[in-house]
C-alpha atoms as a PDB file:
ATOM      1  CA  MET A   1      -8.744  16.200  -4.428  1.00  0.00           C
ATOM      2  CA  ALA A   2     -12.508  15.568  -2.927  1.00  0.00           C
ATOM      3  CA  ILE A   3     -12.902  12.318  -0.701  1.00  0.00           C
ATOM      4  CA  SER A   4     -16.508  12.088  -0.632  1.00  0.00           C
ATOM      5  CA  LEU A   5     -16.830   9.128   1.500  1.00  0.00           C
ATOM      6  CA  LYS A   6     -19.332  10.304   4.677  1.00  0.00           C
ATOM      7  CA  VAL A   7     -18.594   7.829   8.083  1.00  0.00           C
ATOM      8  CA  ALA A   8     -20.682   9.074  11.278  1.00  0.00           C
ATOM      9  CA  LYS A   9     -18.730   9.322  13.658  1.00  0.00           C
ATOM     10  CA  HIS A  10     -20.665   7.846  16.135  1.00  0.00           C
ATOM     11  CA  THR A  11     -20.666   4.155  14.021  1.00  0.00           C
ATOM     12  CA  ALA A  12     -19.446   1.329  15.981  1.00  0.00           C
ATOM     13  CA  GLY A  13     -16.862  -1.407  14.498  1.00  0.00           C
ATOM     14  CA  LYS A  14     -13.603  -2.020  13.023  1.00  0.00           C
ATOM     15  CA  ALA A  15     -14.274  -0.994   9.632  1.00  0.00           C
ATOM     16  CA  ALA A  16     -15.768   2.301  10.329  1.00  0.00           C
ATOM     17  CA  SER A  17     -12.529   3.224  12.784  1.00  0.00           C
ATOM     18  CA  ARG A  18     -10.674   2.028   9.757  1.00  0.00           C
ATOM     19  CA  GLN A  19     -12.744   4.163   7.286  1.00  0.00           C
ATOM     20  CA  ARG A  20     -12.035   7.369   9.106  1.00  0.00           C
ATOM     21  CA  ARG A  21      -8.479   7.037   9.629  1.00  0.00           C
ATOM     22  CA  GLN A  22      -8.364   6.814   5.771  1.00  0.00           C
ATOM     23  CA  VAL A  23     -10.295   9.837   4.943  1.00  0.00           C
ATOM     24  CA  ARG A  24      -7.856  11.653   7.417  1.00  0.00           C
ATOM     25  CA  GLY A  25      -4.860  10.429   5.965  1.00  0.00           C
ATOM     26  CA  ARG A  26      -6.089  10.900   2.472  1.00  0.00           C
ATOM     27  CA  LYS A  27      -6.458  14.640   2.976  1.00  0.00           C
ATOM     28  CA  LYS A  28      -2.498  14.648   3.739  1.00  0.00           C
ATOM     29  CA  LEU A  29      -1.456  12.029   0.817  1.00  0.00           C
ATOM     30  CA  HIS A  30      -0.779  13.092  -2.309  1.00  0.00           C
ATOM     31  CA  GLY A  31       1.500  10.972  -5.390  1.00  0.00           C
ATOM     32  CA  THR A  32       3.544  12.928  -7.719  1.00  0.00           C
ATOM     33  CA  PRO A  33       5.537  11.895 -10.388  1.00  0.00           C
ATOM     34  CA  ASP A  34       8.477  12.185  -8.870  1.00  0.00           C
ATOM     35  CA  ARG A  35       6.884  10.355  -5.582  1.00  0.00           C
ATOM     36  CA  PRO A  36       3.957   8.224  -6.311  1.00  0.00           C
ATOM     37  CA  ARG A  37       1.822   7.160  -3.717  1.00  0.00           C
ATOM     38  CA  LEU A  38       2.386   3.895  -2.175  1.00  0.00           C
ATOM     39  CA  ILE A  39      -0.910   2.210  -1.660  1.00  0.00           C
ATOM     40  CA  VAL A  40      -1.775  -1.027   0.412  1.00  0.00           C
ATOM     41  CA  THR A  41      -4.443  -2.664   0.754  1.00  0.00           C
ATOM     42  CA  ARG A  42      -5.451  -5.691   2.563  1.00  0.00           C
ATOM     43  CA  SER A  43      -7.785  -8.758   2.971  1.00  0.00           C
ATOM     44  CA  SER A  44      -8.198 -11.137   5.002  1.00  0.00           C
ATOM     45  CA  ARG A  45      -5.884 -13.258   2.880  1.00  0.00           C
ATOM     46  CA  HIS A  46      -4.160 -11.414   0.003  1.00  0.00           C
ATOM     47  CA  VAL A  47      -1.944  -8.170   0.413  1.00  0.00           C
ATOM     48  CA  PHE A  48      -2.402  -5.941  -2.999  1.00  0.00           C
ATOM     49  CA  VAL A  49       0.251  -2.968  -3.594  1.00  0.00           C
ATOM     50  CA  GLN A  50       0.437  -0.158  -5.945  1.00  0.00           C
ATOM     51  CA  LEU A  51       2.300   2.604  -6.736  1.00  0.00           C
ATOM     52  CA  VAL A  52       0.113   5.646  -8.091  1.00  0.00           C
ATOM     53  CA  ASP A  53       1.009   8.820  -9.557  1.00  0.00           C
ATOM     54  CA  ASP A  54      -1.865  11.064  -8.457  1.00  0.00           C
ATOM     55  CA  SER A  55      -1.608  14.073 -11.070  1.00  0.00           C
ATOM     56  CA  VAL A  56      -2.734  11.838 -13.935  1.00  0.00           C
ATOM     57  CA  GLY A  57      -4.022   8.983 -11.823  1.00  0.00           C
ATOM     58  CA  LYS A  58      -1.942   6.142 -13.249  1.00  0.00           C
ATOM     59  CA  THR A  59      -0.575   3.162 -11.766  1.00  0.00           C
ATOM     60  CA  VAL A  60       3.186   2.899 -12.143  1.00  0.00           C
ATOM     61  CA  ALA A  61       4.218  -0.469 -10.513  1.00  0.00           C
ATOM     62  CA  SER A  62       1.828  -2.957  -8.655  1.00  0.00           C
ATOM     63  CA  ALA A  63       2.165  -6.474  -6.850  1.00  0.00           C
ATOM     64  CA  SER A  64       0.166  -8.863  -4.791  1.00  0.00           C
ATOM     65  CA  THR A  65      -0.085 -11.945  -3.163  1.00  0.00           C
ATOM     66  CA  MET A  66      -2.136 -13.549  -5.906  1.00  0.00           C
ATOM     67  CA  GLU A  67       0.259 -13.542  -8.617  1.00  0.00           C
ATOM     68  CA  PRO A  68       1.167 -17.014  -9.361  1.00  0.00           C
ATOM     69  CA  ASP A  69       4.719 -17.070  -8.386  1.00  0.00           C
ATOM     70  CA  LEU A  70       3.911 -15.639  -4.954  1.00  0.00           C
ATOM     71  CA  ARG A  71       0.995 -18.078  -4.477  1.00  0.00           C
ATOM     72  CA  GLY A  72       3.607 -20.947  -4.510  1.00  0.00           C
ATOM     73  CA  LEU A  73       5.494 -19.558  -1.514  1.00  0.00           C
ATOM     74  CA  ASP A  74       6.195 -21.193   1.542  1.00  0.00           C
ATOM     75  CA  GLY A  75       5.610 -19.369   4.528  1.00  0.00           C
ATOM     76  CA  ASP A  76       2.758 -17.277   6.814  1.00  0.00           C
ATOM     77  CA  LYS A  77       1.120 -13.929   5.074  1.00  0.00           C
ATOM     78  CA  THR A  78       3.494 -11.690   6.844  1.00  0.00           C
ATOM     79  CA  ALA A  79       6.510 -13.354   4.826  1.00  0.00           C
ATOM     80  CA  LYS A  80       4.254 -13.319   1.539  1.00  0.00           C
ATOM     81  CA  ALA A  81       3.639  -9.556   2.569  1.00  0.00           C
ATOM     82  CA  LYS A  82       7.623  -8.620   3.163  1.00  0.00           C
ATOM     83  CA  ARG A  83       8.209 -10.341  -0.655  1.00  0.00           C
ATOM     84  CA  VAL A  84       5.379  -8.112  -1.973  1.00  0.00           C
ATOM     85  CA  GLY A  85       7.330  -5.553  -0.683  1.00  0.00           C
ATOM     86  CA  GLN A  86      10.475  -6.091  -2.215  1.00  0.00           C
ATOM     87  CA  LEU A  87       8.540  -7.230  -5.657  1.00  0.00           C
ATOM     88  CA  VAL A  88       6.800  -3.815  -5.724  1.00  0.00           C
ATOM     89  CA  ALA A  89      10.202  -1.984  -5.321  1.00  0.00           C
ATOM     90  CA  GLU A  90      12.233  -3.806  -7.991  1.00  0.00           C
ATOM     91  CA  ARG A  91       9.260  -2.818 -10.477  1.00  0.00           C
ATOM     92  CA  ALA A  92       9.616   0.889  -9.173  1.00  0.00           C
ATOM     93  CA  LYS A  93      13.366   1.015  -9.678  1.00  0.00           C
ATOM     94  CA  ALA A  94      12.627  -0.519 -13.157  1.00  0.00           C
ATOM     95  CA  SER A  95       9.930   2.094 -13.558  1.00  0.00           C
ATOM     96  CA  GLY A  96      12.538   4.891 -12.354  1.00  0.00           C
ATOM     97  CA  VAL A  97      10.683   5.773  -9.054  1.00  0.00           C
ATOM     98  CA  GLU A  98      13.397   6.048  -6.207  1.00  0.00           C
ATOM     99  CA  SER A  99      10.746   6.793  -3.674  1.00  0.00           C
ATOM    100  CA  ALA A 100       7.226   7.013  -2.563  1.00  0.00           C
ATOM    101  CA  VAL A 101       4.653   8.231  -0.154  1.00  0.00           C
ATOM    102  CA  PHE A 102       3.363   5.435   1.821  1.00  0.00           C
ATOM    103  CA  ASP A 103      -0.801   5.342   2.292  1.00  0.00           C
ATOM    104  CA  ARG A 104      -1.565   2.527   4.483  1.00  0.00           C
ATOM    105  CA  ALA A 105      -5.395   3.130   3.606  1.00  0.00           C
ATOM    106  CA  GLY A 106      -6.177   3.322   7.282  1.00  0.00           C
ATOM    107  CA  ASN A 107      -4.920   0.039   8.210  1.00  0.00           C
ATOM    108  CA  ARG A 108      -2.903  -0.312  11.153  1.00  0.00           C
ATOM    109  CA  TYR A 109       1.063   0.120  10.767  1.00  0.00           C
ATOM    110  CA  HIS A 110       1.416  -3.705  12.420  1.00  0.00           C
ATOM    111  CA  GLY A 111       1.729  -7.328  10.946  1.00  0.00           C
ATOM    112  CA  ARG A 112       1.418  -7.520   7.203  1.00  0.00           C
ATOM    113  CA  VAL A 113       1.331  -3.918   6.524  1.00  0.00           C
ATOM    114  CA  ALA A 114       4.891  -3.247   8.726  1.00  0.00           C
ATOM    115  CA  ALA A 115       6.489  -6.921   6.974  1.00  0.00           C
ATOM    116  CA  LEU A 116       5.272  -4.771   3.076  1.00  0.00           C
ATOM    117  CA  ALA A 117       7.140  -1.657   3.865  1.00  0.00           C
ATOM    118  CA  ASP A 118       9.795  -3.128   5.485  1.00  0.00           C
ATOM    119  CA  GLY A 119      10.330  -5.479   2.132  1.00  0.00           C
ATOM    120  CA  ALA A 120       9.984  -1.997   0.170  1.00  0.00           C
ATOM    121  CA  ARG A 121      12.663  -0.489   2.063  1.00  0.00           C
ATOM    122  CA  GLU A 122      14.852  -3.444   1.812  1.00  0.00           C
ATOM    123  CA  GLY A 123      14.169  -3.299  -2.019  1.00  0.00           C
ATOM    124  CA  GLY A 124      15.456   0.408  -2.302  1.00  0.00           C
ATOM    125  CA  LEU A 125      12.593   2.264  -2.239  1.00  0.00           C
ATOM    126  CA  ALA A 126      12.887   5.102  -0.018  1.00  0.00           C
ATOM    127  CA  PHE A 127       9.728   6.696   2.328  1.00  0.00           C
END
């Protein structure tokens, strides 16, 4: 799988640093039917997660804070991210997936990304 994103090393800023981390990580991570890739996408307000089988390019399961049942949840964004992790773990188990490869997409393993991972582990997804 070739990554065509080019980021100049001298480019400053948080976004450029995240893109460089993302490219480095994607070289090493590949999802299989037995162990799909758990991709975390984070915006300023929401968290999106999906399990992707890279051999066929198919999404096995997905969840986000934009779903109607999660929009009405009380709590901060970190608590909602944890619930998204639990929800994607439930959907993965329903699809027959027991373990995954965690792809944080260049985001630091901290805050909402870590809470989502903890929620997925509590839901029974191994990675």
